[in-house]
Protein backbone atom coordinates (compact mmCIF):
# COMPACT_ATOMS: atom_id res chain seq x y z
CA MET A 1 42.94 59.82 102.95
CA ILE A 2 43.83 57.22 105.61
CA ASN A 3 42.30 54.37 103.34
CA PHE A 4 44.29 55.57 100.27
CA PHE A 5 47.85 55.41 102.24
CA ASN A 6 46.57 51.82 102.94
CA LYS A 7 46.00 51.04 99.36
CA ARG A 8 48.47 48.70 97.71
CA ILE A 9 49.08 50.86 95.12
CA PHE A 10 50.57 53.41 97.56
CA VAL A 11 52.56 51.13 99.52
CA ILE A 12 54.17 49.44 96.81
CA PHE A 13 54.22 51.98 94.07
CA ILE A 14 53.87 55.59 95.12
CA PHE A 15 55.41 55.69 98.31
CA PRO A 16 58.82 53.71 97.34
CA LEU A 17 59.03 55.81 94.15
CA PHE A 18 59.33 58.78 96.79
CA LEU A 19 61.96 57.57 99.01
CA GLY A 20 63.81 56.51 96.58
CA GLY A 21 63.85 59.69 94.55
CA ILE A 22 64.20 61.91 97.75
CA THR A 23 67.69 60.13 98.27
CA VAL A 24 69.22 62.36 95.35
CA PHE A 25 69.52 65.66 97.91
CA SER A 26 72.06 63.40 99.87
CA PHE A 27 74.55 63.32 97.34
CA GLN A 28 76.79 66.27 95.66
CA PRO A 29 76.10 69.25 94.98
CA PHE A 30 73.08 69.18 97.95
CA ASN A 31 74.71 66.92 100.66
CA PHE A 32 71.88 66.28 102.93
CA PHE A 33 73.32 62.75 103.70
CA PHE A 34 70.40 62.80 106.97
CA ILE A 35 67.68 62.18 104.11
CA ASN A 36 69.12 58.51 103.55
CA PHE A 37 68.36 57.55 107.39
CA PHE A 38 64.69 58.19 106.76
CA SER A 39 64.52 56.81 103.23
CA LEU A 40 66.39 53.65 104.05
CA THR A 41 64.63 53.31 107.58
CA THR A 42 61.09 53.78 105.92
CA LEU A 43 62.12 51.37 103.32
CA PHE A 44 62.47 48.48 105.64
CA PHE A 45 59.61 49.20 107.66
CA LEU A 46 57.47 49.13 104.13
CA ILE A 47 59.50 45.87 103.72
CA VAL A 48 58.13 44.33 107.00
CA TYR A 49 54.80 45.93 106.32
CA VAL A 50 54.29 44.16 102.88
CA LYS A 51 55.71 40.95 104.11
CA LYS A 52 52.95 40.90 107.06
CA LYS A 53 49.91 42.49 104.44
CA SER A 54 50.57 39.89 101.86
CA LYS A 55 49.55 36.85 104.20
CA SER A 56 46.12 39.06 104.98
CA ILE A 57 45.34 41.96 103.01
CA TYR A 58 47.41 41.30 100.13
CA ARG A 59 46.69 37.25 99.72
CA LYS A 60 45.16 37.90 96.36
CA LYS A 61 48.67 39.07 94.97
CA PRO A 62 51.95 36.91 94.80
CA PHE A 63 53.67 38.13 97.65
CA PHE A 64 57.26 37.91 96.24
CA LYS A 65 55.61 39.89 93.44
CA ASN A 66 54.68 42.54 96.13
CA LEU A 67 58.43 42.68 96.94
CA PHE A 68 59.83 42.84 93.53
CA ILE A 69 57.51 45.50 92.66
CA LEU A 70 58.18 47.38 95.83
CA GLY A 71 62.18 47.13 95.28
CA THR A 72 61.55 48.39 91.44
CA SER A 73 59.58 51.16 92.18
CA TYR A 74 62.29 52.34 95.00
CA GLY A 75 64.98 51.82 92.44
CA PHE A 76 63.37 53.66 89.93
CA GLY A 77 62.93 56.40 91.79
CA PHE A 78 66.31 56.36 92.94
CA PHE A 79 68.11 56.02 89.59
CA LEU A 80 65.15 58.38 87.91
CA LEU A 81 66.28 61.66 90.08
CA ASN A 82 70.10 60.48 90.55
CA ILE A 83 70.80 59.93 86.74
CA HIS A 84 68.17 61.96 84.97
CA TRP A 85 71.13 64.14 83.63
CA ILE A 86 71.76 61.46 81.12
CA LEU A 87 68.85 62.95 79.29
CA TYR A 88 71.00 66.20 78.43
CA SER A 89 73.57 64.57 76.25
CA LEU A 90 70.65 63.32 73.98
CA THR A 91 69.65 67.15 73.36
CA PHE A 92 72.81 67.89 71.00
CA ASP A 93 71.92 65.74 68.29
CA ASP A 94 68.47 65.64 66.60
CA VAL A 95 68.93 61.98 65.88
CA TYR A 96 68.83 60.91 69.43
CA ILE A 97 66.03 63.17 70.82
CA PHE A 98 63.50 60.57 70.15
CA LEU A 99 65.48 58.30 72.78
CA ILE A 100 64.76 61.01 75.69
CA PRO A 101 61.62 59.17 77.00
CA PHE A 102 63.39 55.77 76.99
CA SER A 103 66.44 57.32 78.66
CA LEU A 104 64.33 58.47 81.36
CA ILE A 105 62.16 55.26 81.75
CA LEU A 106 64.05 52.08 80.61
CA ILE A 107 67.78 52.73 81.98
CA PRO A 108 66.33 54.00 85.59
CA LEU A 109 64.10 50.50 85.38
CA PHE A 110 66.86 48.22 84.43
CA LEU A 111 69.10 49.77 86.95
CA SER A 112 66.14 49.23 89.51
CA LEU A 113 66.85 45.60 89.30
CA PHE A 114 69.76 46.34 92.20
CA PHE A 115 67.21 47.06 94.44
CA SER A 116 64.51 44.88 93.49
CA ILE A 117 66.08 41.85 93.54
CA PRO A 118 67.90 41.90 96.78
CA ILE A 119 64.45 42.79 98.44
CA LEU A 120 63.11 40.17 96.92
CA LEU A 121 65.78 37.48 98.30
CA VAL A 122 65.90 38.89 101.52
CA GLY A 123 62.63 40.24 102.20
CA ASN A 124 60.75 37.05 103.33
CA PHE A 125 63.33 36.80 106.24
CA CYS A 126 62.94 40.44 107.53
CA GLU A 127 61.54 41.09 110.96
CA LYS A 128 61.94 43.79 113.52
CA ASN A 129 65.20 42.97 114.75
CA LEU A 130 68.86 43.97 114.10
CA TYR A 131 69.63 40.60 112.16
CA SER A 132 66.98 41.68 109.37
CA ILE A 133 68.99 44.91 109.24
CA LEU A 134 72.04 43.31 108.55
CA LEU A 135 70.82 40.81 106.20
CA ILE A 136 69.47 43.66 104.26
CA SER A 137 72.39 45.61 104.53
CA ILE A 138 74.45 42.62 103.16
CA SER A 139 71.98 42.20 100.16
CA PHE A 140 72.20 46.16 99.09
CA ALA A 141 76.00 46.36 99.70
CA PHE A 142 76.90 43.07 97.47
CA SER A 143 74.25 44.33 95.05
CA ASP A 144 75.97 47.41 94.65
CA PHE A 145 79.46 45.55 94.35
CA LEU A 146 78.00 43.77 91.24
CA ARG A 147 76.97 47.18 89.84
CA ASN A 148 80.50 47.49 89.48
CA PHE A 149 81.28 45.02 86.95
CA VAL A 150 77.85 44.03 85.23
CA LEU A 151 77.57 44.84 81.49
CA GLY A 152 80.73 47.14 81.87
CA GLY A 153 79.45 48.51 85.11
CA PHE A 154 78.03 51.82 86.51
CA PRO A 155 79.25 52.24 90.24
CA TRP A 156 77.16 55.45 90.29
CA ASN A 157 76.08 57.20 93.53
CA LEU A 158 76.76 54.34 95.81
CA TRP A 159 75.46 55.08 99.39
CA VAL A 160 79.02 56.06 100.74
CA TYR A 161 79.32 58.94 98.18
CA SER A 162 76.59 60.84 100.40
CA PHE A 163 79.46 61.60 102.64
CA SER A 164 81.52 63.20 100.07
CA TRP A 165 81.67 66.43 101.67
CA SER A 166 83.01 65.14 104.60
CA VAL A 167 86.81 64.03 104.05
CA GLU A 168 87.37 63.14 107.70
CA SER A 169 84.81 60.59 107.47
CA LEU A 170 86.25 58.91 104.51
CA GLN A 171 89.97 58.67 105.49
CA ILE A 172 89.14 55.00 106.33
CA LEU A 173 88.80 54.16 102.41
CA SER A 174 92.46 53.63 102.12
CA VAL A 175 92.47 51.28 104.33
CA ILE A 176 89.39 49.23 103.92
CA GLY A 177 88.30 50.07 100.53
CA LEU A 178 84.96 52.02 98.83
CA PHE A 179 82.90 48.84 98.98
CA SER A 180 83.69 47.87 102.43
CA LEU A 181 82.82 51.28 103.68
CA ASN A 182 79.72 51.39 101.51
CA LEU A 183 78.58 48.38 103.44
CA LEU A 184 79.10 50.28 107.09
CA ALA A 185 77.20 53.31 105.59
CA ILE A 186 74.27 51.54 104.66
CA THR A 187 74.17 49.70 107.92
CA ILE A 188 74.34 53.00 109.51
CA PHE A 189 71.70 54.48 107.27
CA PHE A 190 69.03 51.45 108.50
CA ILE A 191 70.27 51.46 112.32
CA PRO A 192 67.45 54.44 113.21
CA SER A 193 65.05 51.25 112.47
CA LEU A 194 66.23 50.07 116.15
CA PHE A 195 64.59 53.08 117.48
CA PHE A 196 61.40 51.21 116.87
CA PHE A 197 61.90 47.77 118.00
CA LYS A 198 60.99 46.41 121.41
CA LEU A 199 64.17 45.24 122.68
CA LYS A 200 65.98 45.64 125.33
CA THR A 201 69.37 45.52 123.58
CA ASN A 202 68.75 48.11 120.91
CA TYR A 203 70.05 51.11 122.65
CA LEU A 204 73.39 49.11 123.26
CA ILE A 205 73.55 48.70 119.70
CA ILE A 206 72.65 52.07 118.93
CA CYS A 207 75.11 53.47 121.18
CA PHE A 208 77.73 51.31 119.69
CA PHE A 209 77.17 52.27 116.38
CA ILE A 210 77.17 56.09 116.99
CA PHE A 211 80.25 55.31 118.77
CA LEU A 212 81.52 53.63 115.63
CA VAL A 213 80.71 56.89 113.35
CA PHE A 214 82.40 59.38 115.83
CA GLY A 215 85.27 57.23 116.25
CA ASN A 216 85.59 56.84 112.36
CA TYR A 217 85.55 60.39 112.27
CA PHE A 218 87.78 61.57 114.93
CA TYR A 219 90.38 59.07 113.32
CA GLY A 220 89.99 60.67 109.85
CA SER A 221 90.46 64.01 111.61
CA TYR A 222 93.62 62.85 113.16
CA LYS A 223 94.85 61.16 110.08
CA ILE A 224 94.65 64.46 108.29
CA ASN A 225 95.95 66.72 111.20
CA SER A 226 99.06 64.30 111.87
CA GLU A 227 99.77 64.06 108.07
CA ILE A 228 103.18 64.78 107.40
CA GLN A 229 103.94 67.59 105.51
CA HIS A 230 106.33 67.00 102.32
CA THR A 231 108.70 69.73 102.63
CA ASN A 232 111.44 67.47 101.51
CA LEU A 233 110.02 66.12 98.42
CA GLU A 234 110.39 67.19 95.02
CA LYS A 235 107.46 69.04 93.37
CA VAL A 236 106.24 69.42 90.14
CA ASN A 237 104.13 72.52 88.87
CA PHE A 238 100.75 71.75 87.33
CA LYS A 239 98.52 74.24 85.68
CA ILE A 240 94.57 73.22 85.15
CA VAL A 241 93.01 75.22 82.59
CA SER A 242 88.96 75.60 82.08
CA ALA A 243 87.97 77.69 78.56
CA GLY A 244 84.38 77.16 79.22
CA ILE A 245 84.12 75.96 75.62
CA ASN A 246 80.54 75.07 74.33
CA LEU A 247 80.02 71.82 72.39
CA ASN A 248 79.38 73.46 68.99
CA GLU A 249 82.53 75.46 69.24
CA PHE A 250 84.72 72.37 69.08
CA LYS A 251 84.27 71.81 65.40
CA ASP A 252 86.74 75.27 65.05
CA GLU A 253 89.83 73.68 66.41
CA LYS A 254 91.95 76.58 66.25
CA ASP A 255 89.62 78.76 67.95
CA VAL A 256 89.47 75.95 70.89
CA VAL A 257 93.31 76.09 70.84
CA LEU A 258 93.65 79.85 70.93
CA LYS A 259 91.17 79.95 74.09
CA LEU A 260 93.01 77.04 75.93
CA ILE A 261 96.24 78.93 74.92
CA LYS A 262 94.98 82.63 76.27
CA TYR A 263 93.68 81.12 79.44
CA SER A 264 96.76 79.07 80.02
CA GLU A 265 98.66 82.17 80.43
CA PRO A 266 102.10 80.23 79.55
CA ASP A 267 105.48 81.47 81.13
CA LYS A 268 107.76 80.61 78.85
CA LYS A 269 110.53 80.24 81.56
CA LYS A 270 108.66 78.56 83.99
CA LYS A 271 108.78 74.50 83.81
CA THR A 272 105.03 73.70 84.07
CA ILE A 273 102.54 70.87 83.02
CA PHE A 274 99.25 72.00 81.45
CA ILE A 275 96.21 70.02 82.03
CA TRP A 276 93.71 71.00 79.13
CA PRO A 277 90.31 68.54 79.10
CA GLU A 278 89.06 65.89 77.24
CA GLY A 279 87.93 66.29 73.66
CA VAL A 280 90.26 69.22 72.54
CA PHE A 281 90.49 67.85 68.97
CA LEU A 282 87.81 66.04 66.90
CA ASN A 283 89.72 65.39 64.02
CA GLU A 284 92.53 62.97 64.31
CA ASN A 285 94.52 64.71 62.36
CA PHE A 286 94.91 67.82 64.03
CA LYS A 287 98.71 67.21 64.01
CA SER A 288 98.96 67.94 59.98
CA ARG A 289 97.51 71.17 60.47
CA LYS A 290 100.19 74.04 60.50
CA ASP A 291 98.18 76.68 61.96
CA ILE A 292 97.84 74.53 65.00
CA LYS A 293 101.63 73.44 65.35
CA ASP A 294 102.68 77.23 64.87
CA LEU A 295 100.26 78.18 67.75
CA PHE A 296 101.79 75.59 70.04
CA GLU A 297 105.41 76.21 69.00
CA GLN A 298 104.95 80.21 69.57
CA ASN A 299 103.24 79.88 73.04
CA PHE A 300 104.98 77.12 74.86
CA SER A 301 108.63 76.41 75.18
CA ASP A 302 110.95 73.60 76.23
CA ASN A 303 110.07 73.98 79.78
CA HIS A 304 106.45 73.04 78.90
CA LEU A 305 104.42 69.68 78.42
CA ILE A 306 100.71 70.33 77.46
CA ILE A 307 98.11 67.11 78.44
CA PHE A 308 94.65 67.10 76.63
CA GLY A 309 92.13 64.87 75.23
CA ALA A 310 92.14 63.99 71.50
CA ASN A 311 90.32 61.89 69.07
CA THR A 312 93.11 59.58 67.39
CA SER A 313 93.00 56.43 64.85
CA LYS A 314 95.13 53.91 63.54
CA SER A 315 94.71 52.03 60.51
CA SER A 316 94.43 47.82 60.50
CA PRO A 317 93.98 45.88 57.25
CA GLN A 318 90.10 45.50 57.81
CA LYS A 319 89.17 49.24 58.91
CA LYS A 320 90.35 52.55 60.34
CA ILE A 321 90.09 52.25 64.31
CA TYR A 322 89.24 55.50 66.29
CA TYR A 323 90.11 56.36 70.04
CA ASN A 324 89.53 58.44 72.52
CA SER A 325 92.77 59.48 73.93
CA MET A 326 94.89 61.39 76.51
CA LEU A 327 98.03 62.91 74.73
CA LEU A 328 101.24 64.43 76.79
CA VAL A 329 102.87 66.58 74.08
CA ASP A 330 105.57 69.10 73.86
CA LYS A 331 105.89 72.28 72.20
CA ASN A 332 106.29 70.88 68.88
CA LEU A 333 103.09 68.79 69.18
CA ASN A 334 105.35 65.72 69.36
CA TYR A 335 103.66 62.84 71.36
CA ILE A 336 105.89 61.90 74.56
CA SER A 337 102.81 59.71 75.87
CA LYS A 338 99.47 58.59 74.45
CA TYR A 339 96.88 56.73 76.04
CA ASP A 340 93.30 55.16 74.67
CA LYS A 341 90.72 55.43 76.88
CA ARG A 342 89.58 51.61 78.33
CA LYS A 343 86.27 51.99 79.58
CA LEU A 344 83.90 53.52 76.90
CA VAL A 345 80.53 54.60 77.60
CA PRO A 346 77.56 52.59 75.87
CA PHE A 347 75.95 54.73 72.96
CA GLY A 348 78.04 57.72 74.07
CA GLU A 349 81.48 56.58 72.76
CA PHE A 350 80.56 53.33 71.03
CA LEU A 351 77.37 51.58 69.52
CA PRO A 352 76.28 48.13 70.87
CA PHE A 353 75.32 46.07 68.24
CA GLU A 354 76.80 48.35 65.95
CA ASP A 355 75.68 47.10 62.58
CA LEU A 356 72.26 46.69 63.86
CA PHE A 357 71.76 50.35 65.17
CA LYS A 358 73.49 51.83 62.43
CA SER A 359 71.22 50.31 59.99
CA PHE A 360 68.40 52.84 61.45
CA GLY A 361 70.78 55.51 61.24
CA LEU A 362 71.79 55.80 64.77
CA LYS A 363 75.26 56.74 65.86
CA LYS A 364 77.16 57.36 68.91
CA ILE A 365 76.45 60.43 70.82
CA SER A 366 79.72 62.29 70.64
CA PHE A 367 80.91 63.82 67.77
CA GLY A 368 81.86 61.43 64.35
CA TYR A 369 80.14 58.68 62.78
CA ASN A 370 82.03 55.66 64.01
CA SER A 371 82.39 53.96 67.20
CA PHE A 372 85.56 54.37 69.29
CA SER A 373 87.53 51.22 70.25
CA LYS A 374 88.62 50.21 73.83
CA GLY A 375 92.30 50.90 74.37
CA ASN A 376 94.64 48.49 75.44
CA ASN A 377 97.46 50.28 76.64
CA LYS A 378 98.97 50.70 80.16
CA PRO A 379 97.44 53.96 81.67
CA VAL A 380 99.88 54.49 83.73
CA VAL A 381 102.37 57.13 82.21
CA ASP A 382 106.30 56.87 83.33
CA LEU A 383 107.84 60.61 82.55
CA LYS A 384 111.40 59.93 83.37
CA SER A 385 112.97 62.63 81.29
CA TYR A 386 111.02 66.18 82.09
CA PRO A 387 110.86 67.94 84.34
CA MET A 388 111.79 65.01 86.81
CA ASN A 389 111.25 61.19 87.35
CA ILE A 390 107.73 61.12 87.59
CA ASN A 391 104.40 58.79 86.34
CA PHE A 392 100.73 59.40 86.45
CA LEU A 393 97.51 57.46 86.21
CA SER A 394 95.67 58.54 83.19
CA LEU A 395 91.91 58.34 83.71
CA ILE A 396 89.69 59.79 80.94
CA CYS A 397 85.69 60.87 81.94
CA TYR A 398 84.03 58.49 83.80
CA GLU A 399 86.86 56.06 84.32
CA ILE A 400 87.18 57.90 87.58
CA ILE A 401 84.37 56.35 88.95
CA PHE A 402 85.43 52.80 88.92
CA PRO A 403 87.37 52.20 91.97
CA ASN A 404 89.24 49.11 90.68
CA TYR A 405 90.81 51.31 87.83
CA VAL A 406 92.55 53.47 90.52
CA ASN A 407 93.71 50.23 92.72
CA LYS A 408 94.60 47.51 90.40
CA PHE A 409 97.47 49.67 89.22
CA SER A 410 100.45 50.59 91.33
CA ASN A 411 104.00 52.79 90.88
CA PHE A 412 102.19 56.17 90.18
CA ASN A 413 102.88 59.79 91.76
CA PHE A 414 99.69 61.31 90.76
CA ILE A 415 96.38 60.98 88.76
CA ILE A 416 95.21 62.72 85.98
CA ASN A 417 91.49 62.75 84.95
CA ILE A 418 90.38 64.77 81.78
CA SER A 419 86.82 65.27 81.22
CA GLU A 420 84.09 66.76 78.96
CA ASP A 421 81.37 67.70 81.50
CA ALA A 422 79.37 70.02 79.04
CA TRP A 423 77.20 66.84 77.95
CA PHE A 424 75.60 66.85 81.34
CA GLY A 425 74.64 70.70 80.63
CA GLU A 426 73.30 72.74 83.69
CA SER A 427 72.55 69.64 85.86
CA ILE A 428 73.73 68.13 89.03
CA GLY A 429 75.62 65.95 86.57
CA PRO A 430 78.93 67.74 86.77
CA HIS A 431 78.96 67.72 90.77
CA GLN A 432 78.22 64.02 91.27
CA HIS A 433 81.16 63.04 89.01
CA PHE A 434 83.58 65.19 90.49
CA ALA A 435 82.61 63.66 93.76
CA LYS A 436 83.96 60.51 92.57
CA ALA A 437 87.05 61.91 92.03
CA ILE A 438 87.36 63.03 95.58
CA LEU A 439 87.20 59.23 96.89
CA ARG A 440 89.74 58.10 94.38
CA SER A 441 92.27 60.64 95.89
CA ILE A 442 91.67 59.18 99.23
CA GLU A 443 91.81 55.24 98.17
CA SER A 444 94.87 55.80 96.06
CA GLY A 445 96.86 58.35 98.71
CA VAL A 446 98.06 60.78 95.81
CA TYR A 447 96.99 64.04 94.38
CA THR A 448 94.35 63.95 91.79
CA ILE A 449 94.46 66.69 88.96
CA ARG A 450 91.23 67.01 87.26
CA SER A 451 90.01 69.45 84.15
CA ALA A 452 87.21 69.09 83.15
CA ASN A 453 85.43 71.41 80.60
CA LYS A 454 81.98 72.86 81.93
CA GLY A 455 82.71 70.59 84.86
CA VAL A 456 84.63 70.78 88.23
CA SER A 457 88.20 71.38 87.95
CA ALA A 458 90.47 70.86 90.71
CA PHE A 459 93.46 70.12 92.41
CA ILE A 460 92.63 67.26 95.03
CA SER A 461 94.97 66.08 97.94
CA SER A 462 95.76 62.58 98.95
CA ASN A 463 93.21 63.02 101.62
CA GLY A 464 90.62 64.36 99.86
CA LYS A 465 90.85 67.91 100.48
CA ILE A 466 89.92 70.58 97.40
CA LEU A 467 92.94 72.56 97.38
CA LYS A 468 92.21 74.86 94.42
CA SER A 469 89.03 74.62 92.23
CA LEU A 470 86.97 76.05 89.23
CA GLN A 471 83.19 75.51 89.26
CA PRO A 472 81.47 74.35 85.83
CA ASP A 473 80.84 78.15 85.25
CA GLU A 474 84.18 79.24 85.60
CA ILE A 475 86.84 80.19 83.15
CA GLY A 476 90.35 80.48 83.64
CA ASN A 477 93.39 78.19 85.29
CA ILE A 478 94.45 77.17 88.49
CA GLU A 479 97.97 76.54 89.59
CA LEU A 480 99.81 74.43 91.82
CA ARG A 481 103.08 72.66 92.97
CA ILE A 482 102.48 69.15 93.85
CA PRO A 483 104.90 67.11 95.65
CA ILE A 484 105.87 63.63 94.36
CA GLN A 485 104.12 60.95 96.19
CA ASN A 486 103.98 57.35 95.54
CA LYS A 487 101.02 54.88 95.76
CA SER A 488 101.30 51.87 97.35
CA ASN A 489 97.93 50.23 98.17
CA LYS A 490 96.30 47.09 96.01
CA GLN A 491 92.86 46.61 95.31
CA SER A 492 93.17 42.85 96.27
CA LYS A 493 93.78 43.42 99.61
CA LYS A 494 90.69 45.68 99.96
CA ASP A 495 88.60 43.15 97.92
CA LEU A 496 89.75 40.80 100.86
CA ILE A 497 88.55 43.17 103.62
CA PHE A 498 85.01 43.52 101.84
CA LEU A 499 85.00 39.69 101.62
CA LEU A 500 85.93 39.33 105.62
CA LEU A 501 83.43 41.98 106.46
CA LEU A 502 80.40 40.30 104.49
CA ILE A 503 81.62 36.78 106.55
CA THR A 504 81.42 39.10 109.76
CA TYR A 505 78.06 39.93 109.27
CA ILE A 506 76.93 36.55 108.13
CA PHE A 507 78.41 35.21 111.39
CA THR A 508 77.08 37.87 113.40
CA ILE A 509 73.39 36.96 112.00
CA PHE A 510 73.66 33.28 112.50
CA VAL A 511 74.56 34.28 116.42
CA LEU A 512 71.76 36.36 116.49
CA LEU A 513 69.67 34.12 115.11
CA LYS A 514 70.82 31.28 117.53
CA ILE A 515 70.19 33.29 120.40
CA LYS A 516 66.73 34.15 119.34
CA ASN A 517 66.09 30.42 118.98
CA LYS A 518 67.23 29.73 122.51
């Protein structure tokens, strides 16, 4: 047995795969964040071990190849377990079932490069000392930063999301931003390695980081408890509606509207903005249906506005263009505003190399054969006439996972996020998706109002607290009067802080190396 654990196949294939896979339990809905201390600390020692063995036992195998395989194995385990819910979206249409094995292998394999490349670049410099921990923390954090942008970006389950259960620990987000806090979180997860180094200063360093963790927690707790109550601010009444509609039911649009109206329980005398989920109407010509217009006119009043998702289109000289849109309408189904989704899901909402894939009979996973087009209108909607002068940031589905989408816009009072989480099935996907909305509220400093069919619908305060919620299996509505707050922070400032933190780490590494050489 001991000989097996020392074998190369176990050290750089099997064990890293396991270490990456167990990180899934650190995120929503499990929240066993302490697993990351074991996972990353053990990964660090594996890197040092492989570096040492590559100069002796593994000499017949290229050193850098060993590091690359180690990183790939860890990354594959990480992404395989964390995003395995993707396969559920491929089960709703027979044309995509054959791609399930590819989604479980190729997507995690590609994303594993965000681990294998950093380990390949810095693994040769890793030793049992503090500067090596700082070095690998920088490489992982910068890799996560790049993951936000490369090929459209997919910043899913960054390490900092394992603290989504503790809003006190996340309050610093509004000051330093997601990627800076992610860098600090990675470093903290690596810090237990110091217990095994034979250096006199290690315990001082460990005490410093323990002080940093508790200091940050107490800062967040103080910030939440000392928050000014917005008793003097004007408030808007919102009602989030979840009807628990199965995907195959959306083909009967009248039945969908009947269900949503039933669970909306509209009071014609009460000023209310209703939030329905994404993709309520699949047919872009729904406005021309008299039966649907009648339902709106009969059940809503001039005191009401309704926000929901729908497929829309416009004609161009070349072809008809389709959008995944968020609509704000009145009781007569007249458009007050329209936002077209800007961040589209590859294969889910559009086909890359569409002509090529269509020749094989493939289409986008969501309903309809034609791909959606990327919207170009501003996501901040100004609503000046009713019920008062407010504006909100529109985010459809997984646009909520991108911090830059929240932070690069200003002058909005709320975030409204609508989603269709039935594509995730009864998996961990809806819970992981919802965790991203918590961090967006804290970063922006405004309330997030989220309606997700078969997902977590909730009112999230500006400090990330879940005020009211409906779980994926719950049907009904939740209602809340929300104060009108103004968002003032800027992404450019937070990017600068992340850059300065990287420079600080690099400067510290050089100082430590100079001390070591002396």
